[in-house]
Amino acid sequence: MAALFKDRTEAGRALAQALRDLKNNPNALILALPRGGVPVAHEISQALEIPMDILLVRKLGVPGHEELAMGAIALGGVRVLNYDIIDVLEIPDGVIDAVASVENKELDRRNRLYREDMPPPRVHGKDVVLVDDGLATGATMHAAIMAMRSERAATITVAAPVGATETCLRLASEADRIVCLHQPEPFFGVGVWYEDFSQTEDADVLAILHDAHPGTNARA
């Protein structure tokens, strides 16, 4: 089983080619899902000359199996739950609330660090492109779509280098457009399809945001 991408940079460049119809679109805005989606989105932003920002979303991982998403949250009070997993594993409401509390604290930490409590990007009427490094359960992307709908984005495009087929089909019914370059079966997990899937650190996110918005601490 061969990797599809060397790293997130290569994946972003490949996605940019698939999204080249958006080049120089004055109404487009790329929003990366931190942290892994940020280097992918940066390559798209540079290639297509479209501004980028971040959309803070956190997965609610099953305790003891954190990579398995039982839901996700986004800034602004958006919370979505994966009842297929919750019901099968018989996860109590109290456990869900406890995990959500922890992840809300991480959202607040990232908000302070990445944008120093500046308000989220204005997306009303924008053609928003939501970018992540891969789509496994799709929980965080689902939360991101809900957040963008509530903020009345004009259109929502989901973009990822690789994703599970079932997840991509489901997200296609929620977004206006989905661009997922590869949908291997069996999927196994996002990291399997990268030669280098090392963790994107806070410092990496900050460096990219500084590059995207020179002269600011986080974003314009």
N, C-alpha and C. Protein backbone atom coordinates (compact mmCIF):
# COMPACT_ATOMS: atom_id res chain seq x y z
N MET A 1 0.85 -1.20 0.00
CA MET A 1 0.00 0.00 0.00
C MET A 1 0.89 1.25 0.00
N ALA A 2 0.88 1.98 -1.10
CA ALA A 2 1.76 3.13 -1.25
C ALA A 2 1.07 4.41 -0.78
N ALA A 3 1.86 5.32 -0.23
CA ALA A 3 1.35 6.63 0.16
C ALA A 3 0.93 7.41 -1.08
N LEU A 4 -0.04 8.26 -0.91
CA LEU A 4 -0.52 9.09 -2.03
C LEU A 4 0.20 10.42 -2.10
N PHE A 5 0.68 10.90 -0.95
CA PHE A 5 1.33 12.21 -0.88
C PHE A 5 2.59 12.12 -0.04
N LYS A 6 3.58 12.91 -0.41
CA LYS A 6 4.80 12.99 0.38
C LYS A 6 4.50 13.62 1.74
N ASP A 7 3.78 14.73 1.70
CA ASP A 7 3.44 15.45 2.94
C ASP A 7 2.26 16.36 2.67
N ARG A 8 1.90 17.19 3.65
CA ARG A 8 0.74 18.07 3.50
C ARG A 8 0.97 19.17 2.46
N THR A 9 2.22 19.57 2.29
CA THR A 9 2.54 20.58 1.28
C THR A 9 2.23 20.07 -0.11
N GLU A 10 2.70 18.87 -0.41
CA GLU A 10 2.42 18.27 -1.72
C GLU A 10 0.92 18.07 -1.91
N ALA A 11 0.23 17.65 -0.86
CA ALA A 11 -1.21 17.45 -0.94
C ALA A 11 -1.93 18.76 -1.24
N GLY A 12 -1.48 19.84 -0.62
CA GLY A 12 -2.09 21.15 -0.87
C GLY A 12 -1.91 21.61 -2.30
N ARG A 13 -0.75 21.35 -2.85
CA ARG A 13 -0.49 21.74 -4.24
C ARG A 13 -1.37 20.95 -5.20
N ALA A 14 -1.58 19.68 -4.89
CA ALA A 14 -2.46 18.87 -5.73
C ALA A 14 -3.90 19.36 -5.65
N LEU A 15 -4.33 19.71 -4.45
CA LEU A 15 -5.69 20.25 -4.29
C LEU A 15 -5.85 21.57 -5.02
N ALA A 16 -4.82 22.39 -5.00
CA ALA A 16 -4.89 23.69 -5.68
C ALA A 16 -5.17 23.50 -7.17
N GLN A 17 -4.58 22.47 -7.77
CA GLN A 17 -4.83 22.19 -9.18
C GLN A 17 -6.30 21.86 -9.42
N ALA A 18 -6.88 21.10 -8.51
CA ALA A 18 -8.29 20.71 -8.65
C ALA A 18 -9.24 21.87 -8.40
N LEU A 19 -8.75 22.91 -7.73
CA LEU A 19 -9.59 24.06 -7.39
C LEU A 19 -9.23 25.29 -8.21
N ARG A 20 -8.50 25.11 -9.29
CA ARG A 20 -7.97 26.27 -10.02
C ARG A 20 -9.06 27.14 -10.65
N ASP A 21 -10.29 26.64 -10.75
CA ASP A 21 -11.38 27.47 -11.25
C ASP A 21 -11.70 28.63 -10.30
N LEU A 22 -11.21 28.53 -9.07
CA LEU A 22 -11.44 29.60 -8.09
C LEU A 22 -10.35 30.66 -8.10
N LYS A 23 -9.34 30.49 -8.90
CA LYS A 23 -8.20 31.42 -8.89
C LYS A 23 -8.66 32.86 -9.06
N ASN A 24 -8.18 33.70 -8.14
CA ASN A 24 -8.47 35.14 -8.15
C ASN A 24 -9.94 35.47 -7.93
N ASN A 25 -10.73 34.52 -7.49
CA ASN A 25 -12.14 34.81 -7.18
C ASN A 25 -12.18 35.81 -6.03
N PRO A 26 -12.66 37.03 -6.27
CA PRO A 26 -12.62 38.07 -5.23
C PRO A 26 -13.55 37.78 -4.06
N ASN A 27 -14.46 36.82 -4.24
CA ASN A 27 -15.43 36.53 -3.17
C ASN A 27 -15.06 35.27 -2.39
N ALA A 28 -13.94 34.63 -2.77
CA ALA A 28 -13.57 33.36 -2.15
C ALA A 28 -12.74 33.57 -0.88
N LEU A 29 -12.90 32.67 0.05
CA LEU A 29 -12.14 32.67 1.29
C LEU A 29 -11.84 31.22 1.66
N ILE A 30 -10.57 30.92 1.89
CA ILE A 30 -10.15 29.59 2.30
C ILE A 30 -10.06 29.55 3.81
N LEU A 31 -10.72 28.57 4.42
CA LEU A 31 -10.67 28.39 5.86
C LEU A 31 -10.10 27.01 6.17
N ALA A 32 -8.98 27.00 6.88
CA ALA A 32 -8.32 25.76 7.25
C ALA A 32 -8.81 25.26 8.59
N LEU A 33 -8.93 23.95 8.73
CA LEU A 33 -9.25 23.34 10.02
C LEU A 33 -7.93 22.97 10.69
N PRO A 34 -7.56 23.72 11.75
CA PRO A 34 -6.29 23.44 12.44
C PRO A 34 -6.34 22.09 13.17
N ARG A 35 -5.18 21.46 13.29
CA ARG A 35 -3.96 22.06 12.81
C ARG A 35 -3.54 21.50 11.44
N GLY A 36 -3.89 20.24 11.19
CA GLY A 36 -3.41 19.58 9.98
C GLY A 36 -3.84 20.21 8.68
N GLY A 37 -5.00 20.88 8.69
CA GLY A 37 -5.48 21.50 7.45
C GLY A 37 -4.78 22.79 7.09
N VAL A 38 -4.02 23.36 8.02
CA VAL A 38 -3.42 24.67 7.79
C VAL A 38 -2.33 24.64 6.71
N PRO A 39 -1.34 23.74 6.76
CA PRO A 39 -0.35 23.73 5.68
C PRO A 39 -0.95 23.35 4.33
N VAL A 40 -1.98 22.54 4.32
CA VAL A 40 -2.66 22.21 3.06
C VAL A 40 -3.32 23.45 2.49
N ALA A 41 -4.05 24.17 3.31
CA ALA A 41 -4.75 25.39 2.87
C ALA A 41 -3.78 26.47 2.43
N HIS A 42 -2.63 26.54 3.08
CA HIS A 42 -1.64 27.57 2.72
C HIS A 42 -1.18 27.42 1.29
N GLU A 43 -0.95 26.18 0.87
CA GLU A 43 -0.52 25.95 -0.52
C GLU A 43 -1.62 26.34 -1.50
N ILE A 44 -2.87 26.05 -1.16
CA ILE A 44 -3.99 26.43 -2.02
C ILE A 44 -4.10 27.94 -2.11
N SER A 45 -3.99 28.60 -0.96
CA SER A 45 -4.09 30.06 -0.91
C SER A 45 -3.03 30.72 -1.78
N GLN A 46 -1.80 30.24 -1.68
CA GLN A 46 -0.71 30.83 -2.46
C GLN A 46 -0.88 30.59 -3.95
N ALA A 47 -1.27 29.36 -4.30
CA ALA A 47 -1.40 29.02 -5.72
C ALA A 47 -2.55 29.74 -6.40
N LEU A 48 -3.66 29.91 -5.68
CA LEU A 48 -4.85 30.50 -6.28
C LEU A 48 -5.03 31.98 -5.95
N GLU A 49 -4.12 32.51 -5.13
CA GLU A 49 -4.17 33.92 -4.74
C GLU A 49 -5.51 34.27 -4.11
N ILE A 50 -5.89 33.45 -3.15
CA ILE A 50 -7.12 33.63 -2.39
C ILE A 50 -6.73 33.75 -0.92
N PRO A 51 -7.31 34.69 -0.20
CA PRO A 51 -6.96 34.83 1.22
C PRO A 51 -7.37 33.60 2.02
N MET A 52 -6.61 33.34 3.08
CA MET A 52 -6.93 32.19 3.94
C MET A 52 -7.01 32.64 5.39
N ASP A 53 -7.72 31.86 6.16
CA ASP A 53 -7.82 32.05 7.60
C ASP A 53 -8.04 30.67 8.21
N ILE A 54 -8.36 30.62 9.47
CA ILE A 54 -8.61 29.34 10.13
C ILE A 54 -10.03 29.31 10.69
N LEU A 55 -10.56 28.10 10.79
CA LEU A 55 -11.87 27.89 11.42
C LEU A 55 -11.65 26.90 12.55
N LEU A 56 -11.86 27.36 13.77
CA LEU A 56 -11.56 26.54 14.93
C LEU A 56 -12.66 25.53 15.21
N VAL A 57 -12.31 24.26 15.02
CA VAL A 57 -13.22 23.14 15.21
C VAL A 57 -12.45 22.06 15.96
N ARG A 58 -13.13 21.34 16.87
CA ARG A 58 -12.48 20.27 17.60
C ARG A 58 -13.31 19.00 17.55
N LYS A 59 -12.63 17.90 17.30
CA LYS A 59 -13.27 16.59 17.34
C LYS A 59 -13.53 16.18 18.78
N LEU A 60 -14.64 15.49 19.02
CA LEU A 60 -14.92 14.87 20.31
C LEU A 60 -14.56 13.40 20.19
N GLY A 61 -13.39 13.05 20.69
CA GLY A 61 -12.91 11.68 20.57
C GLY A 61 -13.48 10.77 21.64
N VAL A 62 -13.70 9.52 21.28
CA VAL A 62 -14.16 8.53 22.25
C VAL A 62 -13.05 8.29 23.26
N PRO A 63 -13.32 8.41 24.55
CA PRO A 63 -12.28 8.19 25.56
C PRO A 63 -11.61 6.82 25.39
N GLY A 64 -10.29 6.85 25.35
CA GLY A 64 -9.54 5.61 25.13
C GLY A 64 -9.32 5.28 23.67
N HIS A 65 -10.10 5.90 22.81
CA HIS A 65 -9.97 5.72 21.35
C HIS A 65 -10.18 7.09 20.69
N GLU A 66 -9.29 8.02 21.05
CA GLU A 66 -9.52 9.42 20.70
C GLU A 66 -9.59 9.71 19.21
N GLU A 67 -9.01 8.84 18.39
CA GLU A 67 -9.08 9.06 16.94
C GLU A 67 -10.47 8.79 16.39
N LEU A 68 -11.30 8.09 17.16
CA LEU A 68 -12.67 7.78 16.75
C LEU A 68 -13.58 8.92 17.22
N ALA A 69 -14.18 9.61 16.28
CA ALA A 69 -14.97 10.79 16.61
C ALA A 69 -16.41 10.43 16.95
N MET A 70 -16.84 10.86 18.14
CA MET A 70 -18.25 10.72 18.48
C MET A 70 -18.99 12.03 18.27
N GLY A 71 -18.28 13.03 17.75
CA GLY A 71 -18.88 14.32 17.46
C GLY A 71 -17.83 15.38 17.28
N ALA A 72 -18.25 16.63 17.24
CA ALA A 72 -17.31 17.75 17.07
C ALA A 72 -17.98 19.03 17.54
N ILE A 73 -17.15 20.01 17.87
CA ILE A 73 -17.65 21.32 18.26
C ILE A 73 -16.90 22.39 17.48
N ALA A 74 -17.53 23.56 17.36
CA ALA A 74 -16.89 24.70 16.72
C ALA A 74 -17.17 25.94 17.55
N LEU A 75 -16.32 26.94 17.41
CA LEU A 75 -16.56 28.20 18.10
C LEU A 75 -17.93 28.74 17.71
N GLY A 76 -18.59 29.36 18.66
CA GLY A 76 -19.93 29.87 18.40
C GLY A 76 -21.01 28.95 18.91
N GLY A 77 -20.62 27.88 19.61
CA GLY A 77 -21.61 26.99 20.21
C GLY A 77 -22.09 25.86 19.33
N VAL A 78 -21.49 25.67 18.15
CA VAL A 78 -21.89 24.57 17.27
C VAL A 78 -21.42 23.25 17.87
N ARG A 79 -22.33 22.29 17.96
CA ARG A 79 -22.00 20.95 18.49
C ARG A 79 -22.78 19.92 17.70
N VAL A 80 -22.07 18.97 17.13
CA VAL A 80 -22.71 17.89 16.39
C VAL A 80 -22.25 16.56 16.98
N LEU A 81 -23.15 15.57 16.99
CA LEU A 81 -22.84 14.28 17.57
C LEU A 81 -23.05 13.16 16.55
N ASN A 82 -22.20 12.15 16.63
CA ASN A 82 -22.28 10.98 15.76
C ASN A 82 -23.01 9.88 16.53
N TYR A 83 -24.32 9.82 16.38
CA TYR A 83 -25.11 8.89 17.17
C TYR A 83 -24.89 7.44 16.77
N ASP A 84 -24.40 7.18 15.57
CA ASP A 84 -24.07 5.81 15.19
C ASP A 84 -23.03 5.24 16.15
N ILE A 85 -22.00 6.03 16.42
CA ILE A 85 -20.94 5.60 17.32
C ILE A 85 -21.40 5.65 18.77
N ILE A 86 -22.09 6.72 19.14
CA ILE A 86 -22.55 6.88 20.53
C ILE A 86 -23.48 5.74 20.94
N ASP A 87 -24.41 5.37 20.06
CA ASP A 87 -25.37 4.32 20.39
C ASP A 87 -24.71 2.95 20.45
N VAL A 88 -23.83 2.67 19.49
CA VAL A 88 -23.18 1.35 19.46
C VAL A 88 -22.29 1.15 20.69
N LEU A 89 -21.58 2.21 21.08
CA LEU A 89 -20.67 2.11 22.23
C LEU A 89 -21.35 2.45 23.55
N GLU A 90 -22.63 2.84 23.47
CA GLU A 90 -23.41 3.17 24.66
C GLU A 90 -22.69 4.21 25.53
N ILE A 91 -22.31 5.30 24.88
CA ILE A 91 -21.57 6.35 25.57
C ILE A 91 -22.56 7.25 26.32
N PRO A 92 -22.42 7.40 27.63
CA PRO A 92 -23.36 8.22 28.40
C PRO A 92 -23.23 9.71 28.09
N ASP A 93 -24.32 10.43 28.31
CA ASP A 93 -24.31 11.88 28.09
C ASP A 93 -23.23 12.56 28.92
N GLY A 94 -23.03 12.08 30.14
CA GLY A 94 -22.03 12.69 31.00
C GLY A 94 -20.62 12.60 30.44
N VAL A 95 -20.31 11.50 29.77
CA VAL A 95 -18.99 11.34 29.15
C VAL A 95 -18.85 12.31 27.98
N ILE A 96 -19.91 12.42 27.19
CA ILE A 96 -19.88 13.36 26.06
C ILE A 96 -19.67 14.78 26.56
N ASP A 97 -20.39 15.16 27.60
CA ASP A 97 -20.27 16.51 28.14
C ASP A 97 -18.86 16.76 28.69
N ALA A 98 -18.28 15.75 29.33
CA ALA A 98 -16.94 15.90 29.88
C ALA A 98 -15.90 16.10 28.79
N VAL A 99 -16.01 15.32 27.72
CA VAL A 99 -15.07 15.47 26.60
C VAL A 99 -15.28 16.83 25.94
N ALA A 100 -16.54 17.24 25.77
CA ALA A 100 -16.83 18.53 25.15
C ALA A 100 -16.26 19.68 25.98
N SER A 101 -16.31 19.55 27.29
CA SER A 101 -15.76 20.59 28.16
C SER A 101 -14.26 20.74 27.96
N VAL A 102 -13.56 19.62 27.88
CA VAL A 102 -12.11 19.65 27.64
C VAL A 102 -11.80 20.27 26.29
N GLU A 103 -12.55 19.87 25.27
CA GLU A 103 -12.27 20.37 23.93
C GLU A 103 -12.65 21.85 23.79
N ASN A 104 -13.66 22.29 24.53
CA ASN A 104 -13.99 23.73 24.53
C ASN A 104 -12.83 24.54 25.09
N LYS A 105 -12.18 24.02 26.11
CA LYS A 105 -11.02 24.71 26.67
C LYS A 105 -9.89 24.79 25.66
N GLU A 106 -9.72 23.71 24.87
CA GLU A 106 -8.68 23.73 23.84
C GLU A 106 -9.05 24.72 22.73
N LEU A 107 -10.33 24.80 22.38
CA LEU A 107 -10.76 25.81 21.40
C LEU A 107 -10.42 27.22 21.91
N ASP A 108 -10.73 27.47 23.17
CA ASP A 108 -10.44 28.79 23.74
C ASP A 108 -8.94 29.06 23.75
N ARG A 109 -8.14 28.04 24.08
CA ARG A 109 -6.68 28.22 24.08
C ARG A 109 -6.17 28.58 22.68
N ARG A 110 -6.65 27.84 21.70
CA ARG A 110 -6.20 28.09 20.33
C ARG A 110 -6.68 29.46 19.83
N ASN A 111 -7.88 29.83 20.24
CA ASN A 111 -8.40 31.13 19.84
C ASN A 111 -7.51 32.25 20.38
N ARG A 112 -7.12 32.13 21.64
CA ARG A 112 -6.23 33.14 22.24
C ARG A 112 -4.87 33.14 21.57
N LEU A 113 -4.34 31.95 21.31
CA LEU A 113 -3.00 31.84 20.75
C LEU A 113 -2.95 32.27 19.29
N TYR A 114 -3.87 31.74 18.48
CA TYR A 114 -3.80 31.96 17.04
C TYR A 114 -4.27 33.35 16.62
N ARG A 115 -5.30 33.88 17.28
CA ARG A 115 -5.83 35.16 16.83
C ARG A 115 -5.99 36.17 17.95
N GLU A 116 -5.42 35.83 19.13
CA GLU A 116 -5.42 36.77 20.25
C GLU A 116 -6.81 37.36 20.49
N ASP A 117 -7.79 36.44 20.48
CA ASP A 117 -9.18 36.79 20.76
C ASP A 117 -9.81 37.73 19.73
N MET A 118 -9.16 37.88 18.56
CA MET A 118 -9.80 38.63 17.48
C MET A 118 -11.01 37.84 17.01
N PRO A 119 -12.01 38.51 16.46
CA PRO A 119 -13.23 37.80 16.05
C PRO A 119 -12.96 36.84 14.89
N PRO A 120 -13.82 35.84 14.73
CA PRO A 120 -13.67 34.92 13.60
C PRO A 120 -13.78 35.67 12.27
N PRO A 121 -13.28 35.07 11.20
CA PRO A 121 -13.37 35.72 9.89
C PRO A 121 -14.82 35.94 9.48
N ARG A 122 -15.07 37.01 8.78
CA ARG A 122 -16.42 37.32 8.29
C ARG A 122 -16.69 36.49 7.04
N VAL A 123 -17.69 35.63 7.11
CA VAL A 123 -17.96 34.71 6.01
C VAL A 123 -19.31 34.97 5.33
N HIS A 124 -20.09 35.88 5.88
CA HIS A 124 -21.42 36.16 5.31
C HIS A 124 -21.28 36.55 3.83
N GLY A 125 -21.96 35.80 2.96
CA GLY A 125 -21.93 36.10 1.54
C GLY A 125 -20.68 35.65 0.81
N LYS A 126 -19.77 34.96 1.50
CA LYS A 126 -18.51 34.54 0.89
C LYS A 126 -18.63 33.13 0.29
N ASP A 127 -17.78 32.87 -0.69
CA ASP A 127 -17.62 31.52 -1.24
C ASP A 127 -16.51 30.84 -0.42
N VAL A 128 -16.92 30.08 0.57
CA VAL A 128 -15.98 29.53 1.54
C VAL A 128 -15.48 28.16 1.10
N VAL A 129 -14.16 27.97 1.22
CA VAL A 129 -13.54 26.67 0.94
C VAL A 129 -12.99 26.14 2.27
N LEU A 130 -13.57 25.05 2.76
CA LEU A 130 -13.13 24.44 4.01
C LEU A 130 -12.11 23.36 3.70
N VAL A 131 -10.94 23.46 4.32
CA VAL A 131 -9.82 22.58 3.96
C VAL A 131 -9.32 21.80 5.17
N ASP A 132 -9.16 20.49 4.99
CA ASP A 132 -8.52 19.65 5.99
C ASP A 132 -7.55 18.71 5.28
N ASP A 133 -6.68 18.04 6.07
CA ASP A 133 -5.70 17.15 5.45
C ASP A 133 -6.26 15.78 5.13
N GLY A 134 -7.49 15.52 5.56
CA GLY A 134 -8.14 14.25 5.23
C GLY A 134 -9.49 14.16 5.91
N LEU A 135 -10.32 13.26 5.43
CA LEU A 135 -11.68 13.10 5.95
C LEU A 135 -11.89 11.66 6.34
N ALA A 136 -11.87 11.40 7.65
CA ALA A 136 -12.12 10.04 8.15
C ALA A 136 -13.61 9.90 8.48
N THR A 137 -14.01 10.25 9.69
CA THR A 137 -15.45 10.22 10.02
C THR A 137 -16.16 11.46 9.50
N GLY A 138 -15.42 12.54 9.30
CA GLY A 138 -16.03 13.78 8.81
C GLY A 138 -16.70 14.61 9.88
N ALA A 139 -16.54 14.25 11.15
CA ALA A 139 -17.25 14.95 12.22
C ALA A 139 -16.85 16.41 12.31
N THR A 140 -15.55 16.68 12.27
CA THR A 140 -15.13 18.08 12.39
C THR A 140 -15.56 18.88 11.16
N MET A 141 -15.50 18.28 10.00
CA MET A 141 -15.93 19.00 8.79
C MET A 141 -17.43 19.25 8.83
N HIS A 142 -18.19 18.30 9.35
CA HIS A 142 -19.63 18.50 9.48
C HIS A 142 -19.92 19.69 10.39
N ALA A 143 -19.19 19.79 11.50
CA ALA A 143 -19.36 20.93 12.40
C ALA A 143 -18.98 22.24 11.70
N ALA A 144 -17.93 22.18 10.90
CA ALA A 144 -17.49 23.37 10.17
C ALA A 144 -18.56 23.83 9.18
N ILE A 145 -19.17 22.87 8.48
CA ILE A 145 -20.23 23.21 7.53
C ILE A 145 -21.40 23.85 8.25
N MET A 146 -21.80 23.29 9.37
CA MET A 146 -22.90 23.85 10.15
C MET A 146 -22.59 25.28 10.59
N ALA A 147 -21.34 25.49 11.02
CA ALA A 147 -20.95 26.84 11.44
C ALA A 147 -21.05 27.82 10.29
N MET A 148 -20.64 27.40 9.10
CA MET A 148 -20.69 28.29 7.94
C MET A 148 -22.12 28.55 7.48
N ARG A 149 -22.98 27.55 7.60
CA ARG A 149 -24.39 27.76 7.27
C ARG A 149 -25.02 28.77 8.22
N SER A 150 -24.66 28.65 9.50
CA SER A 150 -25.24 29.58 10.47
C SER A 150 -24.77 31.00 10.25
N GLU A 151 -23.56 31.14 9.66
CA GLU A 151 -23.02 32.47 9.37
C GLU A 151 -23.40 32.95 7.97
N ARG A 152 -24.21 32.16 7.30
CA ARG A 152 -24.76 32.50 5.97
C ARG A 152 -23.69 32.74 4.90
N ALA A 153 -22.76 31.78 4.81
CA ALA A 153 -21.83 31.80 3.68
C ALA A 153 -22.62 31.59 2.39
N ALA A 154 -22.16 32.21 1.31
CA ALA A 154 -22.88 32.09 0.03
C ALA A 154 -22.81 30.66 -0.49
N THR A 155 -21.60 30.11 -0.55
CA THR A 155 -21.40 28.71 -0.95
C THR A 155 -20.34 28.09 -0.06
N ILE A 156 -20.42 26.78 0.06
CA ILE A 156 -19.46 26.04 0.89
C ILE A 156 -18.87 24.91 0.06
N THR A 157 -17.54 24.95 -0.10
CA THR A 157 -16.81 23.88 -0.76
C THR A 157 -15.97 23.16 0.27
N VAL A 158 -16.05 21.84 0.30
CA VAL A 158 -15.19 21.03 1.16
C VAL A 158 -14.05 20.51 0.30
N ALA A 159 -12.82 20.69 0.78
CA ALA A 159 -11.65 20.26 0.01
C ALA A 159 -10.71 19.46 0.89
N ALA A 160 -10.34 18.28 0.43
CA ALA A 160 -9.41 17.42 1.16
C ALA A 160 -8.65 16.55 0.17
N PRO A 161 -7.40 16.24 0.48
CA PRO A 161 -6.63 15.40 -0.42
C PRO A 161 -7.11 13.96 -0.47
N VAL A 162 -7.63 13.46 0.67
CA VAL A 162 -8.01 12.06 0.75
C VAL A 162 -9.15 11.92 1.75
N GLY A 163 -10.02 10.95 1.51
CA GLY A 163 -11.13 10.75 2.44
C GLY A 163 -11.80 9.40 2.24
N ALA A 164 -12.51 8.98 3.27
CA ALA A 164 -13.30 7.75 3.17
C ALA A 164 -14.49 8.00 2.26
N THR A 165 -14.79 7.03 1.40
CA THR A 165 -15.85 7.21 0.41
C THR A 165 -17.19 7.56 1.04
N GLU A 166 -17.58 6.84 2.07
CA GLU A 166 -18.86 7.09 2.72
C GLU A 166 -18.92 8.50 3.32
N THR A 167 -17.82 8.91 3.90
CA THR A 167 -17.76 10.26 4.48
C THR A 167 -17.88 11.32 3.40
N CYS A 168 -17.18 11.14 2.31
CA CYS A 168 -17.23 12.13 1.22
C CYS A 168 -18.63 12.22 0.62
N LEU A 169 -19.30 11.08 0.50
CA LEU A 169 -20.67 11.08 -0.03
C LEU A 169 -21.61 11.85 0.91
N ARG A 170 -21.45 11.61 2.20
CA ARG A 170 -22.30 12.30 3.17
C ARG A 170 -22.05 13.81 3.15
N LEU A 171 -20.79 14.21 3.13
CA LEU A 171 -20.46 15.63 3.14
C LEU A 171 -20.88 16.30 1.83
N ALA A 172 -20.90 15.55 0.75
CA ALA A 172 -21.34 16.11 -0.53
C ALA A 172 -22.79 16.53 -0.48
N SER A 173 -23.57 15.85 0.37
CA SER A 173 -24.99 16.21 0.51
C SER A 173 -25.18 17.41 1.43
N GLU A 174 -24.13 17.76 2.19
CA GLU A 174 -24.23 18.87 3.14
C GLU A 174 -23.61 20.15 2.59
N ALA A 175 -22.57 20.02 1.82
CA ALA A 175 -21.89 21.18 1.23
C ALA A 175 -22.42 21.43 -0.18
N ASP A 176 -22.02 22.54 -0.76
CA ASP A 176 -22.41 22.84 -2.15
C ASP A 176 -21.51 22.12 -3.14
N ARG A 177 -20.29 21.80 -2.69
CA ARG A 177 -19.33 21.14 -3.57
C ARG A 177 -18.30 20.43 -2.70
N ILE A 178 -17.84 19.29 -3.15
CA ILE A 178 -16.77 18.61 -2.45
C ILE A 178 -15.69 18.22 -3.44
N VAL A 179 -14.45 18.48 -3.06
CA VAL A 179 -13.30 18.08 -3.87
C VAL A 179 -12.42 17.21 -2.98
N CYS A 180 -12.50 15.91 -3.21
CA CYS A 180 -11.69 14.94 -2.46
C CYS A 180 -10.92 14.14 -3.50
N LEU A 181 -9.61 14.33 -3.55
CA LEU A 181 -8.82 13.81 -4.65
C LEU A 181 -8.77 12.28 -4.69
N HIS A 182 -8.71 11.66 -3.53
CA HIS A 182 -8.61 10.20 -3.47
C HIS A 182 -9.55 9.66 -2.41
N GLN A 183 -10.23 8.57 -2.76
CA GLN A 183 -11.12 7.91 -1.82
C GLN A 183 -10.81 6.41 -1.80
N PRO A 184 -9.65 6.05 -1.23
CA PRO A 184 -9.22 4.64 -1.25
C PRO A 184 -10.10 3.76 -0.36
N GLU A 185 -10.26 2.52 -0.78
CA GLU A 185 -10.99 1.53 0.00
C GLU A 185 -10.15 0.26 0.10
N PRO A 186 -9.96 -0.29 1.29
CA PRO A 186 -10.39 0.27 2.58
C PRO A 186 -9.59 1.52 2.93
N PHE A 187 -10.17 2.35 3.79
CA PHE A 187 -9.57 3.66 4.04
C PHE A 187 -8.47 3.61 5.10
N PHE A 188 -8.65 2.88 6.16
CA PHE A 188 -7.70 2.71 7.27
C PHE A 188 -7.58 3.97 8.14
N GLY A 189 -7.23 5.10 7.55
CA GLY A 189 -7.04 6.34 8.30
C GLY A 189 -6.28 7.34 7.46
N VAL A 190 -6.37 8.61 7.81
CA VAL A 190 -5.77 9.67 7.00
C VAL A 190 -4.26 9.51 6.90
N GLY A 191 -3.61 9.28 8.04
CA GLY A 191 -2.16 9.26 8.06
C GLY A 191 -1.53 8.18 7.21
N VAL A 192 -2.27 7.12 6.92
CA VAL A 192 -1.74 6.02 6.11
C VAL A 192 -1.33 6.48 4.72
N TRP A 193 -1.98 7.52 4.23
CA TRP A 193 -1.80 7.94 2.84
C TRP A 193 -0.77 9.05 2.66
N TYR A 194 -0.04 9.36 3.72
CA TYR A 194 1.06 10.32 3.68
C TYR A 194 2.37 9.64 4.06
N GLU A 195 3.44 9.95 3.33
CA GLU A 195 4.76 9.48 3.75
C GLU A 195 5.14 10.16 5.07
N ASP A 196 4.91 11.46 5.14
CA ASP A 196 5.20 12.23 6.35
C ASP A 196 3.90 12.81 6.87
N PHE A 197 3.42 12.25 7.98
CA PHE A 197 2.20 12.74 8.61
C PHE A 197 2.51 13.20 10.03
N SER A 198 3.68 13.80 10.19
CA SER A 198 4.07 14.30 11.50
C SER A 198 3.10 15.40 11.93
N GLN A 199 2.93 15.53 13.24
CA GLN A 199 1.94 16.46 13.77
C GLN A 199 2.27 17.90 13.41
N THR A 200 1.26 18.65 13.00
CA THR A 200 1.41 20.08 12.80
C THR A 200 1.33 20.75 14.17
N GLU A 201 2.37 21.50 14.53
CA GLU A 201 2.43 22.11 15.85
C GLU A 201 1.87 23.53 15.83
N ASP A 202 1.61 24.06 17.03
CA ASP A 202 1.13 25.44 17.14
C ASP A 202 2.09 26.39 16.43
N ALA A 203 3.39 26.17 16.58
CA ALA A 203 4.37 27.06 15.96
C ALA A 203 4.24 27.04 14.44
N ASP A 204 3.92 25.88 13.86
CA ASP A 204 3.74 25.78 12.41
C ASP A 204 2.52 26.59 11.97
N VAL A 205 1.43 26.48 12.74
CA VAL A 205 0.22 27.24 12.42
C VAL A 205 0.49 28.73 12.49
N LEU A 206 1.16 29.16 13.54
CA LEU A 206 1.45 30.59 13.71
C LEU A 206 2.34 31.11 12.58
N ALA A 207 3.33 30.32 12.19
CA ALA A 207 4.22 30.75 11.10
C ALA A 207 3.45 30.93 9.80
N ILE A 208 2.53 30.01 9.52
CA ILE A 208 1.74 30.12 8.29
C ILE A 208 0.79 31.31 8.36
N LEU A 209 0.17 31.53 9.51
CA LEU A 209 -0.73 32.69 9.65
C LEU A 209 0.04 33.99 9.52
N HIS A 210 1.25 34.05 10.06
CA HIS A 210 2.07 35.25 9.91
C HIS A 210 2.41 35.50 8.44
N ASP A 211 2.68 34.41 7.72
CA ASP A 211 2.99 34.52 6.29
C ASP A 211 1.75 34.95 5.50
N ALA A 212 0.60 34.41 5.89
CA ALA A 212 -0.64 34.73 5.18
C ALA A 212 -1.10 36.15 5.46
N HIS A 213 -0.78 36.64 6.66
CA HIS A 213 -1.20 37.97 7.07
C HIS A 213 -0.01 38.74 7.62
N PRO A 214 0.93 39.13 6.75
CA PRO A 214 2.14 39.82 7.23
C PRO A 214 1.79 41.12 7.96
N GLY A 215 2.56 41.38 9.00
CA GLY A 215 2.35 42.61 9.74
C GLY A 215 1.35 42.48 10.86
N THR A 216 0.82 41.26 11.06
CA THR A 216 -0.12 41.02 12.16
C THR A 216 0.38 39.88 13.00
N ASN A 217 -0.14 39.73 14.20
CA ASN A 217 0.24 38.62 15.04
C ASN A 217 -0.45 37.33 14.64
N ALA A 218 -1.61 37.48 14.01
CA ALA A 218 -2.34 36.27 13.62
C ALA A 218 -2.98 36.46 12.26
N ARG A 219 -3.99 37.27 12.19
CA ARG A 219 -4.68 37.44 10.91
C ARG A 219 -5.10 38.89 10.75
N ALA A 220 -5.39 39.26 9.51
CA ALA A 220 -5.83 40.63 9.24
C ALA A 220 -7.28 40.75 9.56
